[in-house]
Amino acid sequence: VVPGTSVPFLSVYAAATAASNVTATAGDLKFEMLNDVFSNIDQGDYNDNLVIIAHPSFKGALRNLKDNAGVRVVDSPLDGGNQSIFGVPVVYSTGARKDTTAKVAPTGNPLIVVGNADHLLLGVREAPSSQVAAHRWEYDERELKVRARYAFTPATGAAFEVIEKTGA
């Protein structure tokens, strides 16, 4: 998604596409794809403080993924809270999908984003808004103040590689 009138920020997918850093699976996820993504990052200027953000639909594929020697790629594949790939922590996000518009629940192809966490900038924040709490005690009302933040945007697309799950 590219910024415009309906999009408040540049998506990681759009930035990675502009930097030619998107790999389409054309079927199942393979070890070579992950290895190539990490090799590309190793050769660049953004190879420290890495993070992996994957759509939850990749969980099964990642748990079963093995290298050429038959060793599982995910460390502790059954420990959902502490998974890592090549020593890089994995977090899962339902927002890791390609979509044509910015929305809360994107519906496009699932993505795996690998990149330098230092180059993930926090998204734009809403102005403070308030909401009256559901409970009322006599005549007292509790007012909650909140500020919402819209996702994140990359400082540079060169700091990220994306794997997009596509059909065969």
N, C-alpha and C. Protein backbone atom coordinates (compact mmCIF):
# COMPACT_ATOMS: atom_id res chain seq x y z
N VAL A 1 0.86 -1.17 0.00
CA VAL A 1 0.00 0.00 0.00
C VAL A 1 0.90 1.22 0.00
N VAL A 2 0.66 2.12 -0.93
CA VAL A 2 1.46 3.34 -1.03
C VAL A 2 0.69 4.51 -0.44
N PRO A 3 1.39 5.44 0.24
CA PRO A 3 0.66 6.54 0.86
C PRO A 3 -0.09 7.37 -0.17
N GLY A 4 -1.21 7.86 0.23
CA GLY A 4 -2.04 8.70 -0.61
C GLY A 4 -3.16 9.26 0.23
N THR A 5 -4.26 9.56 -0.40
CA THR A 5 -5.36 10.16 0.35
C THR A 5 -6.00 9.18 1.31
N SER A 6 -6.02 7.89 1.00
CA SER A 6 -6.67 6.93 1.89
C SER A 6 -5.68 6.13 2.73
N VAL A 7 -4.39 6.37 2.56
CA VAL A 7 -3.38 5.59 3.26
C VAL A 7 -2.48 6.53 4.06
N PRO A 8 -2.43 6.37 5.39
CA PRO A 8 -1.67 7.30 6.21
C PRO A 8 -0.16 7.07 6.26
N PHE A 9 0.32 5.94 5.72
CA PHE A 9 1.74 5.63 5.83
C PHE A 9 2.16 4.68 4.72
N LEU A 10 3.47 4.60 4.48
CA LEU A 10 4.03 3.66 3.52
C LEU A 10 4.17 2.30 4.21
N SER A 11 3.62 1.26 3.61
CA SER A 11 3.70 -0.06 4.23
C SER A 11 5.08 -0.68 4.00
N VAL A 12 5.43 -1.64 4.85
CA VAL A 12 6.69 -2.36 4.69
C VAL A 12 6.69 -3.08 3.35
N TYR A 13 5.54 -3.64 2.97
CA TYR A 13 5.45 -4.36 1.70
C TYR A 13 5.75 -3.42 0.52
N ALA A 14 5.15 -2.22 0.53
CA ALA A 14 5.39 -1.27 -0.56
C ALA A 14 6.84 -0.83 -0.59
N ALA A 15 7.42 -0.57 0.58
CA ALA A 15 8.83 -0.15 0.64
C ALA A 15 9.75 -1.26 0.17
N ALA A 16 9.47 -2.51 0.57
CA ALA A 16 10.30 -3.65 0.16
C ALA A 16 10.14 -3.90 -1.34
N THR A 17 8.94 -3.71 -1.86
CA THR A 17 8.71 -3.88 -3.30
C THR A 17 9.51 -2.85 -4.08
N ALA A 18 9.50 -1.61 -3.63
CA ALA A 18 10.26 -0.54 -4.30
C ALA A 18 11.76 -0.84 -4.28
N ALA A 19 12.22 -1.54 -3.24
CA ALA A 19 13.64 -1.90 -3.13
C ALA A 19 13.94 -3.26 -3.76
N SER A 20 12.96 -3.85 -4.45
CA SER A 20 13.08 -5.18 -5.07
C SER A 20 13.44 -6.25 -4.05
N ASN A 21 12.81 -6.19 -2.87
CA ASN A 21 13.11 -7.13 -1.79
C ASN A 21 11.91 -8.00 -1.43
N VAL A 22 11.11 -8.40 -2.41
CA VAL A 22 9.95 -9.26 -2.15
C VAL A 22 10.14 -10.58 -2.92
N THR A 23 9.97 -11.69 -2.21
CA THR A 23 10.05 -13.02 -2.81
C THR A 23 8.67 -13.66 -2.75
N ALA A 24 8.14 -14.07 -3.89
CA ALA A 24 6.86 -14.78 -3.94
C ALA A 24 7.14 -16.28 -3.82
N THR A 25 6.34 -16.97 -3.01
CA THR A 25 6.58 -18.40 -2.80
C THR A 25 6.20 -19.24 -4.01
N ALA A 26 5.19 -18.83 -4.77
CA ALA A 26 4.66 -19.63 -5.88
C ALA A 26 4.40 -21.06 -5.41
N GLY A 27 3.73 -21.18 -4.28
CA GLY A 27 3.43 -22.48 -3.68
C GLY A 27 3.85 -22.50 -2.23
N ASP A 28 4.45 -23.61 -1.82
CA ASP A 28 4.85 -23.76 -0.42
C ASP A 28 6.13 -22.99 -0.10
N LEU A 29 6.26 -22.61 1.16
CA LEU A 29 7.47 -21.98 1.67
C LEU A 29 8.58 -23.02 1.70
N LYS A 30 9.76 -22.64 1.23
CA LYS A 30 10.90 -23.56 1.19
C LYS A 30 12.09 -22.97 1.96
N PHE A 31 12.95 -23.87 2.46
CA PHE A 31 14.13 -23.46 3.20
C PHE A 31 14.97 -22.48 2.39
N GLU A 32 15.13 -22.73 1.10
CA GLU A 32 15.97 -21.89 0.25
C GLU A 32 15.48 -20.45 0.23
N MET A 33 14.16 -20.26 0.30
CA MET A 33 13.60 -18.90 0.29
C MET A 33 14.04 -18.14 1.54
N LEU A 34 13.91 -18.79 2.72
CA LEU A 34 14.35 -18.15 3.96
C LEU A 34 15.85 -17.91 3.93
N ASN A 35 16.60 -18.87 3.46
CA ASN A 35 18.05 -18.74 3.40
C ASN A 35 18.44 -17.58 2.49
N ASP A 36 17.79 -17.46 1.33
CA ASP A 36 18.08 -16.37 0.40
C ASP A 36 17.76 -15.01 1.01
N VAL A 37 16.62 -14.92 1.73
CA VAL A 37 16.24 -13.67 2.39
C VAL A 37 17.30 -13.26 3.40
N PHE A 38 17.74 -14.21 4.23
CA PHE A 38 18.77 -13.89 5.22
C PHE A 38 20.11 -13.59 4.56
N SER A 39 20.43 -14.26 3.46
CA SER A 39 21.67 -13.98 2.73
C SER A 39 21.65 -12.55 2.19
N ASN A 40 20.50 -12.13 1.65
CA ASN A 40 20.38 -10.76 1.14
C ASN A 40 20.57 -9.74 2.27
N ILE A 41 19.98 -10.00 3.42
CA ILE A 41 20.12 -9.10 4.56
C ILE A 41 21.56 -9.08 5.05
N ASP A 42 22.21 -10.26 5.10
CA ASP A 42 23.61 -10.33 5.55
C ASP A 42 24.53 -9.47 4.68
N GLN A 43 24.22 -9.36 3.41
CA GLN A 43 25.07 -8.61 2.48
C GLN A 43 24.79 -7.10 2.51
N GLY A 44 23.71 -6.70 3.16
CA GLY A 44 23.35 -5.28 3.18
C GLY A 44 23.88 -4.55 4.39
N ASP A 45 23.45 -3.31 4.54
CA ASP A 45 23.89 -2.43 5.62
C ASP A 45 22.99 -2.51 6.85
N TYR A 46 21.96 -3.35 6.83
CA TYR A 46 20.96 -3.36 7.90
C TYR A 46 20.84 -4.74 8.55
N ASN A 47 21.98 -5.39 8.79
CA ASN A 47 21.96 -6.78 9.23
C ASN A 47 22.08 -6.96 10.75
N ASP A 48 21.75 -5.96 11.53
CA ASP A 48 21.75 -6.15 12.98
C ASP A 48 20.36 -5.85 13.54
N ASN A 49 20.13 -6.25 14.77
CA ASN A 49 18.84 -6.07 15.45
C ASN A 49 17.67 -6.55 14.59
N LEU A 50 17.79 -7.76 14.09
CA LEU A 50 16.78 -8.31 13.19
C LEU A 50 15.55 -8.81 13.94
N VAL A 51 14.43 -8.78 13.25
CA VAL A 51 13.17 -9.31 13.75
C VAL A 51 12.44 -9.96 12.58
N ILE A 52 11.63 -10.97 12.91
CA ILE A 52 10.79 -11.61 11.90
C ILE A 52 9.34 -11.41 12.33
N ILE A 53 8.54 -10.87 11.42
CA ILE A 53 7.10 -10.69 11.66
C ILE A 53 6.40 -11.54 10.62
N ALA A 54 5.65 -12.55 11.08
CA ALA A 54 5.00 -13.48 10.15
C ALA A 54 3.51 -13.55 10.43
N HIS A 55 2.75 -13.80 9.39
CA HIS A 55 1.32 -14.03 9.56
C HIS A 55 1.15 -15.41 10.21
N PRO A 56 0.17 -15.55 11.12
CA PRO A 56 -0.03 -16.84 11.81
C PRO A 56 -0.25 -18.03 10.88
N SER A 57 -0.69 -17.80 9.66
CA SER A 57 -0.90 -18.92 8.74
C SER A 57 0.41 -19.61 8.36
N PHE A 58 1.54 -18.99 8.65
CA PHE A 58 2.84 -19.60 8.38
C PHE A 58 3.31 -20.50 9.51
N LYS A 59 2.61 -20.51 10.65
CA LYS A 59 3.09 -21.27 11.81
C LYS A 59 3.36 -22.74 11.48
N GLY A 60 2.41 -23.41 10.86
CA GLY A 60 2.58 -24.82 10.53
C GLY A 60 3.73 -25.06 9.58
N ALA A 61 3.82 -24.24 8.54
CA ALA A 61 4.89 -24.39 7.56
C ALA A 61 6.26 -24.17 8.21
N LEU A 62 6.35 -23.16 9.09
CA LEU A 62 7.63 -22.88 9.75
C LEU A 62 8.00 -23.99 10.73
N ARG A 63 7.02 -24.53 11.46
CA ARG A 63 7.30 -25.62 12.40
C ARG A 63 7.87 -26.84 11.69
N ASN A 64 7.39 -27.09 10.48
CA ASN A 64 7.80 -28.29 9.74
C ASN A 64 8.98 -28.05 8.80
N LEU A 65 9.39 -26.81 8.62
CA LEU A 65 10.46 -26.48 7.67
C LEU A 65 11.81 -26.99 8.16
N LYS A 66 12.52 -27.70 7.27
CA LYS A 66 13.83 -28.27 7.61
C LYS A 66 14.86 -27.83 6.58
N ASP A 67 16.11 -27.74 7.03
CA ASP A 67 17.18 -27.40 6.09
C ASP A 67 17.57 -28.65 5.31
N ASN A 68 18.61 -28.54 4.49
CA ASN A 68 19.03 -29.66 3.64
C ASN A 68 19.55 -30.85 4.43
N ALA A 69 19.96 -30.61 5.69
CA ALA A 69 20.45 -31.70 6.54
C ALA A 69 19.33 -32.31 7.38
N GLY A 70 18.10 -31.83 7.20
CA GLY A 70 16.97 -32.37 7.94
C GLY A 70 16.77 -31.75 9.32
N VAL A 71 17.46 -30.66 9.61
CA VAL A 71 17.34 -29.97 10.90
C VAL A 71 16.24 -28.92 10.81
N ARG A 72 15.37 -28.90 11.82
CA ARG A 72 14.28 -27.91 11.81
C ARG A 72 14.84 -26.49 11.84
N VAL A 73 14.22 -25.61 11.08
CA VAL A 73 14.66 -24.23 10.97
C VAL A 73 14.24 -23.42 12.19
N VAL A 74 13.06 -23.71 12.73
CA VAL A 74 12.55 -22.97 13.89
C VAL A 74 13.10 -23.60 15.17
N ASP A 75 13.77 -22.76 15.98
CA ASP A 75 14.22 -23.22 17.29
C ASP A 75 12.98 -23.36 18.17
N SER A 76 12.88 -24.42 18.95
CA SER A 76 11.73 -24.67 19.84
C SER A 76 10.41 -24.54 19.09
N PRO A 77 10.17 -25.39 18.07
CA PRO A 77 8.97 -25.23 17.24
C PRO A 77 7.65 -25.38 17.98
N LEU A 78 7.65 -26.04 19.12
CA LEU A 78 6.39 -26.21 19.86
C LEU A 78 6.21 -25.18 20.96
N ASP A 79 7.19 -24.32 21.16
CA ASP A 79 7.09 -23.26 22.16
C ASP A 79 6.64 -21.99 21.45
N GLY A 80 5.34 -21.78 21.35
CA GLY A 80 4.77 -20.67 20.60
C GLY A 80 5.26 -19.31 21.01
N GLY A 81 5.70 -19.12 22.26
CA GLY A 81 6.09 -17.80 22.72
C GLY A 81 7.54 -17.45 22.51
N ASN A 82 8.39 -18.44 22.24
CA ASN A 82 9.82 -18.17 22.14
C ASN A 82 10.45 -18.74 20.88
N GLN A 83 9.77 -18.65 19.79
CA GLN A 83 10.31 -19.20 18.56
C GLN A 83 11.33 -18.25 17.94
N SER A 84 12.32 -18.85 17.28
CA SER A 84 13.29 -18.05 16.53
C SER A 84 13.73 -18.84 15.31
N ILE A 85 14.18 -18.11 14.31
CA ILE A 85 14.72 -18.72 13.09
C ILE A 85 16.12 -18.15 12.92
N PHE A 86 17.11 -19.03 12.83
CA PHE A 86 18.51 -18.62 12.73
C PHE A 86 18.87 -17.65 13.86
N GLY A 87 18.25 -17.85 15.03
CA GLY A 87 18.53 -17.01 16.19
C GLY A 87 17.78 -15.68 16.22
N VAL A 88 16.93 -15.44 15.24
CA VAL A 88 16.16 -14.19 15.17
C VAL A 88 14.75 -14.46 15.69
N PRO A 89 14.27 -13.66 16.67
CA PRO A 89 12.94 -13.91 17.23
C PRO A 89 11.83 -13.75 16.19
N VAL A 90 10.81 -14.61 16.32
CA VAL A 90 9.65 -14.56 15.43
C VAL A 90 8.45 -14.06 16.23
N VAL A 91 7.76 -13.06 15.70
CA VAL A 91 6.48 -12.63 16.25
C VAL A 91 5.44 -12.81 15.16
N TYR A 92 4.23 -13.14 15.58
CA TYR A 92 3.15 -13.36 14.62
C TYR A 92 2.15 -12.23 14.70
N SER A 93 1.68 -11.78 13.54
CA SER A 93 0.73 -10.68 13.48
C SER A 93 -0.29 -10.95 12.38
N THR A 94 -1.58 -10.83 12.72
CA THR A 94 -2.62 -11.01 11.69
C THR A 94 -2.60 -9.86 10.69
N GLY A 95 -1.90 -8.79 10.99
CA GLY A 95 -1.77 -7.67 10.06
C GLY A 95 -0.70 -7.88 9.01
N ALA A 96 0.05 -8.99 9.09
CA ALA A 96 1.11 -9.26 8.12
C ALA A 96 0.51 -9.90 6.87
N ARG A 97 -0.26 -9.09 6.17
CA ARG A 97 -0.88 -9.50 4.91
C ARG A 97 -0.76 -8.36 3.90
N LYS A 98 -0.69 -8.73 2.65
CA LYS A 98 -0.70 -7.73 1.58
C LYS A 98 -2.15 -7.31 1.37
N ASP A 99 -2.38 -6.03 1.16
CA ASP A 99 -3.72 -5.56 0.87
C ASP A 99 -3.62 -4.27 0.06
N THR A 100 -4.68 -3.93 -0.65
CA THR A 100 -4.65 -2.73 -1.48
C THR A 100 -5.00 -1.47 -0.71
N THR A 101 -5.58 -1.61 0.47
CA THR A 101 -5.91 -0.45 1.29
C THR A 101 -5.46 -0.70 2.72
N ALA A 102 -5.26 0.38 3.45
CA ALA A 102 -4.89 0.24 4.87
C ALA A 102 -6.15 -0.05 5.66
N LYS A 103 -6.16 -1.17 6.36
CA LYS A 103 -7.32 -1.53 7.17
C LYS A 103 -6.90 -2.38 8.36
N VAL A 104 -7.80 -2.48 9.31
CA VAL A 104 -7.51 -3.21 10.54
C VAL A 104 -7.27 -4.69 10.26
N ALA A 105 -8.05 -5.28 9.40
CA ALA A 105 -7.94 -6.71 9.11
C ALA A 105 -7.69 -6.93 7.62
N PRO A 106 -6.44 -6.82 7.17
CA PRO A 106 -6.16 -7.03 5.75
C PRO A 106 -6.49 -8.47 5.33
N THR A 107 -6.83 -8.65 4.06
CA THR A 107 -7.28 -9.96 3.59
C THR A 107 -6.44 -10.54 2.46
N GLY A 108 -5.35 -9.89 2.10
CA GLY A 108 -4.53 -10.35 0.99
C GLY A 108 -3.61 -11.50 1.36
N ASN A 109 -2.60 -11.70 0.53
CA ASN A 109 -1.65 -12.80 0.74
C ASN A 109 -0.89 -12.64 2.06
N PRO A 110 -0.67 -13.74 2.78
CA PRO A 110 0.12 -13.69 4.02
C PRO A 110 1.59 -13.35 3.72
N LEU A 111 2.24 -12.68 4.68
CA LEU A 111 3.61 -12.23 4.50
C LEU A 111 4.50 -12.67 5.67
N ILE A 112 5.78 -12.84 5.38
CA ILE A 112 6.83 -12.93 6.38
C ILE A 112 7.75 -11.74 6.12
N VAL A 113 7.93 -10.91 7.12
CA VAL A 113 8.79 -9.73 7.00
C VAL A 113 10.03 -9.98 7.86
N VAL A 114 11.20 -9.85 7.26
CA VAL A 114 12.46 -9.97 7.97
C VAL A 114 13.20 -8.66 7.81
N GLY A 115 13.63 -8.08 8.92
CA GLY A 115 14.34 -6.82 8.78
C GLY A 115 14.88 -6.27 10.07
N ASN A 116 15.48 -5.11 9.95
CA ASN A 116 16.11 -4.43 11.07
C ASN A 116 15.05 -3.66 11.86
N ALA A 117 14.85 -4.05 13.11
CA ALA A 117 13.82 -3.44 13.95
C ALA A 117 14.07 -1.95 14.18
N ASP A 118 15.32 -1.51 14.09
CA ASP A 118 15.63 -0.09 14.27
C ASP A 118 15.00 0.77 13.18
N HIS A 119 14.64 0.16 12.06
CA HIS A 119 14.08 0.90 10.93
C HIS A 119 12.57 0.76 10.81
N LEU A 120 11.92 0.27 11.87
CA LEU A 120 10.46 0.26 11.95
C LEU A 120 10.05 1.49 12.75
N LEU A 121 9.50 2.46 12.07
CA LEU A 121 9.07 3.69 12.73
C LEU A 121 7.63 3.55 13.17
N LEU A 122 7.31 4.03 14.35
CA LEU A 122 5.93 3.98 14.82
C LEU A 122 5.04 4.82 13.93
N GLY A 123 3.85 4.33 13.69
CA GLY A 123 2.90 5.02 12.83
C GLY A 123 2.32 6.28 13.47
N VAL A 124 1.54 6.97 12.72
CA VAL A 124 0.91 8.21 13.15
C VAL A 124 -0.06 7.93 14.29
N ARG A 125 -0.14 8.85 15.26
CA ARG A 125 -1.08 8.69 16.37
C ARG A 125 -2.27 9.59 16.18
N GLU A 126 -3.42 9.10 16.63
CA GLU A 126 -4.63 9.91 16.64
C GLU A 126 -4.51 10.96 17.73
N ALA A 127 -5.29 12.00 17.60
CA ALA A 127 -5.40 12.97 18.68
C ALA A 127 -6.06 12.28 19.87
N PRO A 128 -5.79 12.74 21.08
CA PRO A 128 -6.42 12.08 22.24
C PRO A 128 -7.94 12.11 22.12
N SER A 129 -8.53 11.01 22.48
CA SER A 129 -9.99 10.94 22.51
C SER A 129 -10.39 10.36 23.86
N SER A 130 -11.62 10.58 24.24
CA SER A 130 -12.05 10.05 25.52
C SER A 130 -13.30 9.22 25.35
N GLN A 131 -13.49 8.33 26.29
CA GLN A 131 -14.63 7.43 26.28
C GLN A 131 -15.10 7.30 27.72
N VAL A 132 -16.37 7.39 27.93
CA VAL A 132 -16.90 7.21 29.28
C VAL A 132 -16.95 5.72 29.57
N ALA A 133 -16.41 5.33 30.71
CA ALA A 133 -16.38 3.92 31.10
C ALA A 133 -17.81 3.40 31.25
N ALA A 134 -17.97 2.10 31.12
CA ALA A 134 -19.30 1.48 31.14
C ALA A 134 -19.98 1.58 32.50
N HIS A 135 -19.23 1.61 33.58
CA HIS A 135 -19.82 1.63 34.91
C HIS A 135 -20.06 3.05 35.41
N ARG A 136 -21.19 3.23 36.10
CA ARG A 136 -21.49 4.51 36.74
C ARG A 136 -21.77 4.25 38.21
N TRP A 137 -21.07 4.94 39.05
CA TRP A 137 -21.31 4.83 40.49
C TRP A 137 -22.02 6.10 40.93
N GLU A 138 -23.30 5.92 41.24
CA GLU A 138 -24.12 7.09 41.60
C GLU A 138 -24.02 8.11 40.46
N TYR A 139 -23.39 9.23 40.73
CA TYR A 139 -23.29 10.27 39.70
C TYR A 139 -21.86 10.44 39.18
N ASP A 140 -20.95 9.61 39.67
CA ASP A 140 -19.56 9.70 39.20
C ASP A 140 -19.39 8.89 37.93
N GLU A 141 -18.66 9.44 37.00
CA GLU A 141 -18.33 8.73 35.77
C GLU A 141 -16.82 8.68 35.63
N ARG A 142 -16.33 7.58 35.16
CA ARG A 142 -14.90 7.45 34.89
C ARG A 142 -14.69 7.71 33.41
N GLU A 143 -13.75 8.58 33.10
CA GLU A 143 -13.47 8.88 31.71
C GLU A 143 -12.10 8.32 31.36
N LEU A 144 -12.05 7.53 30.31
CA LEU A 144 -10.80 6.94 29.86
C LEU A 144 -10.25 7.75 28.70
N LYS A 145 -8.99 8.10 28.76
CA LYS A 145 -8.33 8.83 27.67
C LYS A 145 -7.46 7.85 26.90
N VAL A 146 -7.57 7.87 25.60
CA VAL A 146 -6.79 6.95 24.78
C VAL A 146 -6.21 7.66 23.57
N ARG A 147 -5.10 7.11 23.08
CA ARG A 147 -4.52 7.55 21.81
C ARG A 147 -4.22 6.28 21.02
N ALA A 148 -4.68 6.20 19.81
CA ALA A 148 -4.44 5.02 18.99
C ALA A 148 -3.27 5.29 18.05
N ARG A 149 -2.48 4.26 17.76
CA ARG A 149 -1.36 4.40 16.85
C ARG A 149 -1.60 3.47 15.67
N TYR A 150 -1.32 3.96 14.47
CA TYR A 150 -1.53 3.18 13.26
C TYR A 150 -0.25 2.45 12.87
N ALA A 151 -0.17 1.18 13.17
CA ALA A 151 0.89 0.28 12.71
C ALA A 151 2.28 0.90 12.78
N PHE A 152 3.10 0.64 11.78
CA PHE A 152 4.44 1.19 11.70
C PHE A 152 4.77 1.40 10.24
N THR A 153 5.80 2.16 9.98
CA THR A 153 6.25 2.42 8.63
C THR A 153 7.76 2.24 8.60
N PRO A 154 8.33 1.80 7.49
CA PRO A 154 9.78 1.59 7.44
C PRO A 154 10.53 2.89 7.17
N ALA A 155 11.71 3.01 7.77
CA ALA A 155 12.57 4.15 7.48
C ALA A 155 13.15 4.00 6.08
N THR A 156 13.42 2.76 5.69
CA THR A 156 13.92 2.47 4.34
C THR A 156 13.53 1.05 3.96
N GLY A 157 13.14 0.85 2.72
CA GLY A 157 12.77 -0.48 2.25
C GLY A 157 13.97 -1.41 2.15
N ALA A 158 15.17 -0.85 2.06
CA ALA A 158 16.39 -1.67 1.95
C ALA A 158 16.67 -2.45 3.23
N ALA A 159 16.05 -2.07 4.34
CA ALA A 159 16.28 -2.76 5.62
C ALA A 159 15.38 -3.98 5.79
N PHE A 160 14.55 -4.29 4.79
CA PHE A 160 13.57 -5.37 4.92
C PHE A 160 13.53 -6.26 3.71
N GLU A 161 13.28 -7.52 3.97
CA GLU A 161 12.99 -8.52 2.96
C GLU A 161 11.64 -9.10 3.29
N VAL A 162 10.82 -9.38 2.27
CA VAL A 162 9.47 -9.90 2.48
C VAL A 162 9.29 -11.16 1.67
N ILE A 163 8.68 -12.16 2.30
CA ILE A 163 8.26 -13.37 1.58
C ILE A 163 6.73 -13.32 1.53
N GLU A 164 6.19 -13.40 0.32
CA GLU A 164 4.75 -13.36 0.12
C GLU A 164 4.25 -14.74 -0.31
N LYS A 165 3.28 -15.27 0.42
CA LYS A 165 2.69 -16.57 0.08
C LYS A 165 1.77 -16.40 -1.11
N THR A 166 2.15 -16.98 -2.22
CA THR A 166 1.33 -16.90 -3.44
C THR A 166 1.02 -18.30 -3.93
N GLY A 167 0.03 -18.42 -4.80
CA GLY A 167 -0.36 -19.71 -5.36
C GLY A 167 0.70 -20.23 -6.31
N ALA A 168 0.62 -21.53 -6.60
CA ALA A 168 1.61 -22.17 -7.48
C ALA A 168 1.54 -21.68 -8.88
